[in-house]
């Protein structure tokens, strides 16, 4: 289910996946296939880590990378979940062929 909340986001962020919802900043983003696919990849990640595991891992990895890079936005960009989603967001058939825990391949990549 896709929801629109204009005041939920700050700066560069336009979409967010919170199981089972995709939340967007603008209604026009409902037409953005790549953005929606990116968020659907996150829904798959959340599903395989049973939600709580995903959110816990996401926060811990972001904290670690924030300390590593001393830059919270760069830390966000380098979270393994985000790396997987960004690397495959334009491959609209990716979810059909994606193996479970594929984000692990992006954990230690630069």
N, C-alpha and C. Protein backbone atom coordinates (compact mmCIF):
# COMPACT_ATOMS: atom_id res chain seq x y z
N UNK A 1 0.84 -1.17 0.00
CA UNK A 1 0.00 0.00 0.00
C UNK A 1 0.90 1.24 0.00
N UNK A 2 0.55 2.20 -0.81
CA UNK A 2 1.34 3.43 -0.95
C UNK A 2 0.60 4.58 -0.29
N UNK A 3 1.29 5.28 0.60
CA UNK A 3 0.74 6.44 1.30
C UNK A 3 1.57 7.67 0.96
N UNK A 4 0.96 8.84 1.06
CA UNK A 4 1.66 10.10 0.80
C UNK A 4 1.57 10.98 2.05
N UNK A 5 2.74 11.37 2.57
CA UNK A 5 2.83 12.28 3.71
C UNK A 5 3.91 13.31 3.38
N UNK A 6 3.50 14.50 3.04
CA UNK A 6 4.44 15.54 2.61
C UNK A 6 5.39 15.97 3.72
N UNK A 7 4.95 15.99 4.95
CA UNK A 7 5.75 16.56 6.03
C UNK A 7 6.53 15.51 6.81
N UNK A 8 6.60 14.31 6.29
CA UNK A 8 7.27 13.21 6.96
C UNK A 8 8.77 13.17 6.65
N UNK A 9 9.17 13.85 5.58
CA UNK A 9 10.54 13.74 5.07
C UNK A 9 11.32 15.03 5.24
N UNK A 10 12.64 14.86 5.24
CA UNK A 10 13.52 16.02 5.26
C UNK A 10 14.54 15.89 4.14
N UNK A 11 15.03 16.99 3.69
CA UNK A 11 16.10 17.09 2.69
C UNK A 11 15.88 16.20 1.46
N UNK A 12 16.84 15.29 1.21
CA UNK A 12 16.89 14.51 -0.02
C UNK A 12 15.92 13.33 -0.06
N UNK A 13 15.28 13.01 1.02
CA UNK A 13 14.49 11.78 1.10
C UNK A 13 13.11 11.99 0.50
N UNK A 14 12.72 11.05 -0.35
CA UNK A 14 11.41 11.15 -1.00
C UNK A 14 10.54 9.93 -0.78
N UNK A 15 11.12 8.84 -0.30
CA UNK A 15 10.36 7.62 -0.08
C UNK A 15 10.91 6.82 1.08
N UNK A 16 10.05 5.98 1.65
CA UNK A 16 10.41 5.19 2.81
C UNK A 16 9.52 3.95 2.83
N UNK A 17 10.09 2.83 3.21
CA UNK A 17 9.32 1.60 3.36
C UNK A 17 9.20 1.27 4.84
N UNK A 18 7.99 1.21 5.31
CA UNK A 18 7.69 0.74 6.67
C UNK A 18 6.61 -0.33 6.51
N UNK A 19 7.04 -1.56 6.64
CA UNK A 19 6.17 -2.70 6.36
C UNK A 19 4.77 -2.47 6.89
N UNK A 20 3.74 -2.64 6.12
CA UNK A 20 3.67 -3.04 4.71
C UNK A 20 3.47 -1.85 3.78
N UNK A 21 3.87 -0.68 4.23
CA UNK A 21 3.60 0.54 3.48
C UNK A 21 4.84 1.09 2.77
N UNK A 22 4.58 1.75 1.66
CA UNK A 22 5.58 2.61 1.02
C UNK A 22 5.04 4.02 1.22
N UNK A 23 5.84 4.86 1.84
CA UNK A 23 5.42 6.23 2.14
C UNK A 23 6.22 7.17 1.25
N UNK A 24 5.51 8.05 0.56
CA UNK A 24 6.13 8.98 -0.39
C UNK A 24 5.89 10.42 0.03
N UNK A 25 6.80 11.28 -0.37
CA UNK A 25 6.66 12.71 -0.06
C UNK A 25 5.59 13.37 -0.93
N UNK A 26 5.53 13.00 -2.19
CA UNK A 26 4.60 13.62 -3.14
C UNK A 26 3.78 12.55 -3.86
N UNK A 27 2.53 12.86 -4.14
CA UNK A 27 1.66 11.92 -4.87
C UNK A 27 2.22 11.60 -6.25
N UNK A 28 2.91 12.56 -6.86
CA UNK A 28 3.46 12.35 -8.20
C UNK A 28 4.49 11.22 -8.22
N UNK A 29 5.10 10.92 -7.08
CA UNK A 29 6.11 9.85 -7.01
C UNK A 29 5.48 8.46 -7.19
N UNK A 30 4.17 8.37 -7.13
CA UNK A 30 3.51 7.09 -7.37
C UNK A 30 3.75 6.61 -8.80
N UNK A 31 4.12 7.52 -9.68
CA UNK A 31 4.39 7.19 -11.08
C UNK A 31 5.85 6.83 -11.33
N UNK A 32 6.69 6.98 -10.33
CA UNK A 32 8.12 6.73 -10.47
C UNK A 32 8.43 5.26 -10.23
N UNK A 33 8.51 4.49 -11.31
CA UNK A 33 8.72 3.04 -11.24
C UNK A 33 10.01 2.67 -10.51
N UNK A 34 11.07 3.43 -10.73
CA UNK A 34 12.36 3.11 -10.11
C UNK A 34 12.31 3.35 -8.61
N UNK A 35 11.74 4.46 -8.18
CA UNK A 35 11.59 4.73 -6.75
C UNK A 35 10.75 3.65 -6.08
N UNK A 36 9.63 3.30 -6.68
CA UNK A 36 8.77 2.26 -6.11
C UNK A 36 9.48 0.92 -6.05
N UNK A 37 10.25 0.61 -7.08
CA UNK A 37 10.99 -0.65 -7.09
C UNK A 37 12.04 -0.65 -5.98
N UNK A 38 12.73 0.46 -5.80
CA UNK A 38 13.71 0.61 -4.72
C UNK A 38 13.04 0.30 -3.38
N UNK A 39 11.89 0.88 -3.15
CA UNK A 39 11.18 0.67 -1.89
C UNK A 39 10.66 -0.76 -1.75
N UNK A 40 10.28 -1.37 -2.86
CA UNK A 40 9.84 -2.78 -2.81
C UNK A 40 10.98 -3.72 -2.47
N UNK A 41 12.18 -3.38 -2.89
CA UNK A 41 13.36 -4.16 -2.49
C UNK A 41 13.50 -4.11 -0.97
N UNK A 42 13.29 -2.93 -0.40
CA UNK A 42 13.35 -2.81 1.06
C UNK A 42 12.25 -3.64 1.73
N UNK A 43 11.08 -3.68 1.14
CA UNK A 43 10.01 -4.51 1.72
C UNK A 43 10.41 -5.98 1.75
N UNK A 44 11.08 -6.44 0.70
CA UNK A 44 11.59 -7.82 0.67
C UNK A 44 12.63 -8.04 1.76
N UNK A 45 13.53 -7.09 1.92
CA UNK A 45 14.56 -7.19 2.96
C UNK A 45 13.91 -7.25 4.34
N UNK A 46 12.90 -6.42 4.55
CA UNK A 46 12.20 -6.40 5.83
C UNK A 46 11.52 -7.74 6.09
N UNK A 47 10.93 -8.28 5.06
CA UNK A 47 10.23 -9.56 5.16
C UNK A 47 11.18 -10.68 5.57
N UNK A 48 12.33 -10.77 4.93
CA UNK A 48 13.24 -11.88 5.21
C UNK A 48 13.92 -11.76 6.57
N UNK A 49 14.02 -10.55 7.11
CA UNK A 49 14.61 -10.39 8.45
C UNK A 49 13.54 -10.20 9.53
N UNK A 50 12.31 -10.52 9.17
CA UNK A 50 11.18 -10.49 10.12
C UNK A 50 11.00 -9.12 10.78
N UNK A 51 11.05 -8.09 10.01
CA UNK A 51 10.83 -6.70 10.38
C UNK A 51 11.74 -6.18 11.48
N UNK A 52 11.62 -6.69 12.67
CA UNK A 52 12.40 -6.19 13.79
C UNK A 52 13.89 -6.36 13.51
N UNK A 53 14.26 -7.50 12.96
CA UNK A 53 15.67 -7.74 12.62
C UNK A 53 16.17 -6.72 11.60
N UNK A 54 15.33 -6.41 10.63
CA UNK A 54 15.70 -5.42 9.62
C UNK A 54 15.95 -4.05 10.26
N UNK A 55 14.98 -3.59 11.04
CA UNK A 55 15.10 -2.25 11.63
C UNK A 55 16.27 -2.17 12.60
N UNK A 56 16.48 -3.22 13.38
CA UNK A 56 17.61 -3.25 14.30
C UNK A 56 18.94 -3.20 13.55
N UNK A 57 19.07 -4.05 12.53
CA UNK A 57 20.29 -4.10 11.72
C UNK A 57 20.52 -2.76 11.04
N UNK A 58 19.44 -2.21 10.46
CA UNK A 58 19.54 -0.93 9.73
C UNK A 58 20.10 0.16 10.65
N UNK A 59 19.53 0.28 11.84
CA UNK A 59 19.96 1.33 12.78
C UNK A 59 21.40 1.10 13.24
N UNK A 60 21.72 -0.15 13.58
CA UNK A 60 23.08 -0.44 14.04
C UNK A 60 24.11 -0.20 12.94
N UNK A 61 23.77 -0.61 11.71
CA UNK A 61 24.72 -0.38 10.61
C UNK A 61 24.86 1.11 10.33
N UNK A 62 23.76 1.85 10.41
CA UNK A 62 23.84 3.30 10.20
C UNK A 62 24.70 3.96 11.29
N UNK A 63 24.52 3.55 12.53
CA UNK A 63 25.32 4.11 13.62
C UNK A 63 26.80 3.82 13.41
N UNK A 64 27.12 2.58 13.10
CA UNK A 64 28.52 2.20 12.85
C UNK A 64 29.11 3.01 11.71
N UNK A 65 28.38 3.09 10.60
CA UNK A 65 28.89 3.81 9.43
C UNK A 65 28.95 5.33 9.68
N UNK A 66 28.06 5.84 10.50
CA UNK A 66 28.12 7.27 10.86
C UNK A 66 29.41 7.58 11.60
N UNK A 67 29.80 6.68 12.49
CA UNK A 67 31.07 6.85 13.19
C UNK A 67 32.25 6.67 12.24
N UNK A 68 32.12 5.72 11.33
CA UNK A 68 33.20 5.43 10.37
C UNK A 68 33.44 6.61 9.42
N UNK A 69 32.33 7.12 8.83
CA UNK A 69 32.45 8.18 7.83
C UNK A 69 32.37 9.59 8.42
N UNK A 70 31.89 9.71 9.65
CA UNK A 70 31.65 11.01 10.28
C UNK A 70 30.73 11.88 9.43
N UNK A 71 29.77 11.23 8.80
CA UNK A 71 28.82 11.90 7.91
C UNK A 71 27.57 11.02 7.84
N UNK A 72 26.47 11.49 8.38
CA UNK A 72 25.27 10.65 8.48
C UNK A 72 24.66 10.33 7.11
N UNK A 73 24.73 11.26 6.17
CA UNK A 73 24.16 10.98 4.85
C UNK A 73 25.02 9.96 4.10
N UNK A 74 26.32 10.09 4.19
CA UNK A 74 27.21 9.10 3.56
C UNK A 74 27.03 7.74 4.22
N UNK A 75 26.81 7.74 5.51
CA UNK A 75 26.54 6.49 6.23
C UNK A 75 25.27 5.83 5.68
N UNK A 76 24.21 6.62 5.52
CA UNK A 76 22.95 6.12 4.95
C UNK A 76 23.20 5.50 3.58
N UNK A 77 23.94 6.19 2.73
CA UNK A 77 24.18 5.71 1.37
C UNK A 77 24.96 4.39 1.35
N UNK A 78 25.69 4.10 2.41
CA UNK A 78 26.54 2.91 2.45
C UNK A 78 25.98 1.77 3.29
N UNK A 79 24.78 1.91 3.78
CA UNK A 79 24.13 0.80 4.48
C UNK A 79 23.90 -0.30 3.45
N UNK A 80 24.17 -1.53 3.82
CA UNK A 80 24.08 -2.65 2.87
C UNK A 80 22.69 -2.75 2.22
N UNK A 81 21.64 -2.47 2.97
CA UNK A 81 20.28 -2.52 2.41
C UNK A 81 20.12 -1.46 1.32
N UNK A 82 20.65 -0.28 1.57
CA UNK A 82 20.56 0.80 0.58
C UNK A 82 21.43 0.51 -0.63
N UNK A 83 22.62 -0.02 -0.41
CA UNK A 83 23.49 -0.36 -1.53
C UNK A 83 22.81 -1.35 -2.46
N UNK A 84 22.20 -2.39 -1.88
CA UNK A 84 21.50 -3.37 -2.72
C UNK A 84 20.36 -2.72 -3.48
N UNK A 85 19.56 -1.92 -2.80
CA UNK A 85 18.40 -1.29 -3.44
C UNK A 85 18.83 -0.32 -4.55
N UNK A 86 19.84 0.50 -4.28
CA UNK A 86 20.31 1.44 -5.31
C UNK A 86 20.94 0.70 -6.49
N UNK A 87 21.68 -0.35 -6.22
CA UNK A 87 22.36 -1.08 -7.30
C UNK A 87 21.37 -1.79 -8.22
N UNK A 88 20.18 -2.09 -7.72
CA UNK A 88 19.23 -2.89 -8.49
C UNK A 88 17.89 -2.21 -8.75
N UNK A 89 17.77 -0.94 -8.41
CA UNK A 89 16.48 -0.28 -8.54
C UNK A 89 16.01 -0.13 -9.99
N UNK A 90 16.93 -0.08 -10.92
CA UNK A 90 16.52 0.06 -12.32
C UNK A 90 16.30 -1.28 -13.02
N UNK A 91 16.56 -2.38 -12.35
CA UNK A 91 16.29 -3.72 -12.87
C UNK A 91 14.94 -4.16 -12.31
N UNK A 92 13.88 -3.85 -13.04
CA UNK A 92 12.53 -4.06 -12.52
C UNK A 92 12.16 -5.52 -12.33
N UNK A 93 12.96 -6.44 -12.82
CA UNK A 93 12.70 -7.87 -12.59
C UNK A 93 13.57 -8.42 -11.46
N UNK A 94 14.33 -7.57 -10.81
CA UNK A 94 15.27 -8.01 -9.77
C UNK A 94 14.59 -8.78 -8.63
N UNK A 95 13.46 -8.31 -8.17
CA UNK A 95 12.80 -8.95 -7.04
C UNK A 95 12.43 -10.41 -7.37
N UNK A 96 12.10 -10.67 -8.61
CA UNK A 96 11.73 -12.03 -9.01
C UNK A 96 12.93 -12.99 -8.98
N UNK A 97 14.12 -12.47 -9.22
CA UNK A 97 15.31 -13.33 -9.27
C UNK A 97 16.21 -13.17 -8.05
N UNK A 98 15.88 -12.26 -7.19
CA UNK A 98 16.70 -11.96 -6.01
C UNK A 98 16.74 -13.16 -5.05
N UNK A 99 17.95 -13.46 -4.59
CA UNK A 99 18.12 -14.50 -3.59
C UNK A 99 17.97 -13.89 -2.20
N UNK A 100 17.52 -14.69 -1.26
CA UNK A 100 17.37 -14.23 0.11
C UNK A 100 18.72 -13.76 0.65
N UNK A 101 18.68 -12.72 1.45
CA UNK A 101 19.85 -12.16 2.11
C UNK A 101 20.89 -11.61 1.12
N UNK A 102 20.44 -11.19 -0.03
CA UNK A 102 21.35 -10.64 -1.04
C UNK A 102 22.05 -9.36 -0.56
N UNK A 103 21.47 -8.68 0.39
CA UNK A 103 22.09 -7.47 0.92
C UNK A 103 23.46 -7.76 1.53
N UNK A 104 23.69 -9.00 1.95
CA UNK A 104 24.98 -9.35 2.57
C UNK A 104 26.16 -9.14 1.62
N UNK A 105 25.90 -9.29 0.31
CA UNK A 105 26.96 -9.05 -0.68
C UNK A 105 27.45 -7.61 -0.65
N UNK A 106 26.61 -6.70 -0.15
CA UNK A 106 26.92 -5.27 -0.15
C UNK A 106 27.43 -4.78 1.20
N UNK A 107 27.58 -5.69 2.15
CA UNK A 107 27.98 -5.30 3.49
C UNK A 107 29.39 -4.73 3.55
N UNK A 108 30.32 -5.32 2.82
CA UNK A 108 31.72 -4.90 2.90
C UNK A 108 32.25 -4.28 1.62
N UNK A 109 31.40 -4.04 0.65
CA UNK A 109 31.84 -3.40 -0.58
C UNK A 109 32.03 -1.92 -0.36
N UNK A 110 32.92 -1.34 -1.15
CA UNK A 110 33.11 0.12 -1.10
C UNK A 110 32.26 0.79 -2.12
